[in-house]
Amino acid sequence: MRVDRHELATNDSTAGRLFPKYLVWTVLLWTLSSTSAAAAWLPIAANEEASFYFNPDTIRYQVDLTSVWVIADRVKKGPDGERSVRMRYEVDCETVEYQVTYEALHAEPMAQGANLGTEHPNDWRTVTPGTAAELIVKKVCAR
């Protein structure tokens, strides 16, 4: 039996059987896709200024460096009005140093909302014990 979109709206017996099934599948697929995207960011550290999350699916092991994407959710708005910062960390696991190669400032938590600007700092730093950076570096270097 062939049913086109006009029949779904006008034929009550067909619409009653087909519409709820399509609606259920649409809602189910939408929920699964939005849940999996949100579940990719795992908490790794927090302090009085921000909570930090990393995405394990973004860890890339290269010959000398390991990279990962991190989000810092600020407790209060930052100096540029940002509530979160999405960053790409590059880590040298042998020297225990890291650099942030990309930062995107966002108006809302979890890198949502308007992009308020980007930066490319690229300065190598030694890991300071007791910081979020230390936990991030330990996580990506522990294969």
Protein backbone atom coordinates (compact mmCIF):
# COMPACT_ATOMS: atom_id res chain seq x y z
CA MET A 1 0.00 0.00 0.00
CA ARG A 2 1.49 3.31 -1.09
CA VAL A 3 0.89 6.25 1.25
CA ASP A 4 2.05 9.77 0.42
CA ARG A 5 2.30 12.72 2.79
CA HIS A 6 -1.14 14.08 1.79
CA GLU A 7 -2.82 10.82 2.77
CA LEU A 8 -1.29 11.01 6.26
CA ALA A 9 -3.05 14.32 6.79
CA THR A 10 -6.41 13.44 5.25
CA ASN A 11 -7.01 9.70 5.72
CA ASP A 12 -7.84 9.23 9.42
CA SER A 13 -7.39 5.45 9.48
CA THR A 14 -3.95 5.60 7.84
CA ALA A 15 -2.82 8.66 9.79
CA GLY A 16 -3.77 7.06 13.09
CA ARG A 17 -1.55 4.05 12.39
CA LEU A 18 1.46 5.69 10.72
CA PHE A 19 1.89 9.09 12.39
CA PRO A 20 2.55 7.87 15.97
CA LYS A 21 5.11 5.33 14.73
CA TYR A 22 7.03 8.01 12.79
CA LEU A 23 6.76 10.40 15.72
CA VAL A 24 8.11 7.84 18.18
CA TRP A 25 11.07 6.97 15.93
CA THR A 26 11.85 10.65 15.27
CA VAL A 27 11.82 11.52 18.96
CA LEU A 28 13.87 8.41 19.83
CA LEU A 29 16.55 9.13 17.22
CA TRP A 30 16.73 12.81 18.22
CA THR A 31 17.10 11.88 21.89
CA LEU A 32 19.84 9.33 21.20
CA SER A 33 21.81 11.72 19.00
CA SER A 34 21.64 14.59 21.49
CA THR A 35 22.47 12.32 24.43
CA SER A 36 25.53 10.81 22.76
CA ALA A 37 26.91 14.25 21.90
CA ALA A 38 26.48 15.47 25.46
CA ALA A 39 27.89 12.28 26.95
CA ALA A 40 31.18 12.68 25.07
CA TRP A 41 32.41 15.38 27.50
CA LEU A 42 33.58 13.83 30.76
CA PRO A 43 34.43 15.83 33.89
CA ILE A 44 38.12 15.77 34.80
CA ALA A 45 38.75 18.61 37.27
CA ALA A 46 37.19 21.57 39.04
CA ASN A 47 38.34 24.54 41.06
CA GLU A 48 36.74 27.72 42.39
CA GLU A 49 36.90 29.34 38.94
CA ALA A 50 35.85 26.58 36.53
CA SER A 51 34.92 22.97 35.88
CA PHE A 52 36.96 21.14 33.24
CA TYR A 53 35.76 18.47 30.83
CA PHE A 54 37.59 16.44 28.20
CA ASN A 55 36.36 14.41 25.26
CA PRO A 56 38.09 11.00 25.19
CA ASP A 57 37.03 10.52 21.56
CA THR A 58 39.29 13.42 20.58
CA ILE A 59 42.52 12.03 22.04
CA ARG A 60 45.05 11.65 19.19
CA TYR A 61 48.33 9.87 19.79
CA GLN A 62 51.09 11.00 17.46
CA VAL A 63 54.80 10.19 17.44
CA ASP A 64 55.92 12.94 19.84
CA LEU A 65 52.69 14.58 20.96
CA THR A 66 49.24 13.70 22.20
CA SER A 67 46.30 16.06 21.70
CA VAL A 68 42.85 16.34 23.27
CA TRP A 69 39.94 18.79 23.32
CA VAL A 70 38.99 20.32 26.68
CA ILE A 71 36.18 22.63 27.83
CA ALA A 72 36.53 24.95 30.79
CA ASP A 73 33.13 26.00 32.14
CA ARG A 74 33.59 29.20 34.14
CA VAL A 75 31.66 29.82 37.37
CA LYS A 76 31.40 33.54 36.46
CA LYS A 77 31.76 35.26 33.12
CA GLY A 78 35.34 35.83 32.06
CA PRO A 79 36.93 39.13 31.02
CA ASP A 80 35.56 38.84 27.47
CA GLY A 81 32.05 37.82 28.61
CA GLU A 82 32.73 34.11 28.08
CA ARG A 83 31.07 31.40 30.17
CA SER A 84 33.14 28.62 28.62
CA VAL A 85 36.33 28.07 26.66
CA ARG A 86 36.93 25.16 24.27
CA MET A 87 40.64 24.37 24.00
CA ARG A 88 42.91 22.03 22.09
CA TYR A 89 45.72 20.76 24.30
CA GLU A 90 48.94 19.30 22.89
CA VAL A 91 50.91 17.28 25.42
CA ASP A 92 54.50 16.06 25.38
CA CYS A 93 54.26 13.04 27.67
CA GLU A 94 58.06 12.60 27.89
CA THR A 95 58.84 16.12 29.12
CA VAL A 96 55.47 16.51 30.90
CA GLU A 97 54.79 19.81 29.17
CA TYR A 98 51.72 21.05 27.34
CA GLN A 99 50.54 23.87 25.15
CA VAL A 100 47.11 25.14 24.23
CA THR A 101 47.05 25.56 20.47
CA TYR A 102 43.48 26.80 20.05
CA GLU A 103 40.93 28.53 22.28
CA ALA A 104 37.35 29.43 21.39
CA LEU A 105 35.46 31.65 23.83
CA HIS A 106 31.72 30.92 24.11
CA ALA A 107 28.87 32.92 25.64
CA GLU A 108 27.20 29.86 27.19
CA PRO A 109 28.40 26.84 29.22
CA MET A 110 29.80 23.73 27.50
CA ALA A 111 31.02 25.64 24.42
CA GLN A 112 27.49 26.62 23.43
CA GLY A 113 26.13 30.00 22.40
CA ALA A 114 27.84 32.71 20.43
CA ASN A 115 31.53 32.39 19.64
CA LEU A 116 33.09 35.46 21.24
CA GLY A 117 36.51 35.01 19.68
CA THR A 118 39.38 32.61 19.11
CA GLU A 119 43.03 32.60 20.06
CA HIS A 120 46.09 30.52 19.15
CA PRO A 121 48.44 30.90 22.14
CA ASN A 122 51.04 28.13 21.38
CA ASP A 123 53.25 28.56 24.44
CA TRP A 124 54.73 25.48 26.09
CA ARG A 125 54.17 25.21 29.83
CA THR A 126 55.49 22.92 32.52
CA VAL A 127 52.71 21.12 34.35
CA THR A 128 52.08 22.58 37.81
CA PRO A 129 51.12 19.95 40.41
CA GLY A 130 47.59 20.21 41.76
CA THR A 131 46.13 21.94 38.70
CA ALA A 132 43.54 20.91 36.13
CA ALA A 133 46.33 20.80 33.54
CA GLU A 134 48.10 18.13 35.61
CA LEU A 135 45.00 15.92 35.58
CA ILE A 136 44.48 16.45 31.86
CA VAL A 137 48.10 15.57 31.07
CA LYS A 138 47.98 12.47 33.30
CA LYS A 139 44.78 11.32 31.60
CA VAL A 140 46.04 11.65 28.02
CA CYS A 141 49.48 10.21 28.81
CA ALA A 142 48.12 7.11 30.58
CA ARG A 143 47.60 4.81 27.62
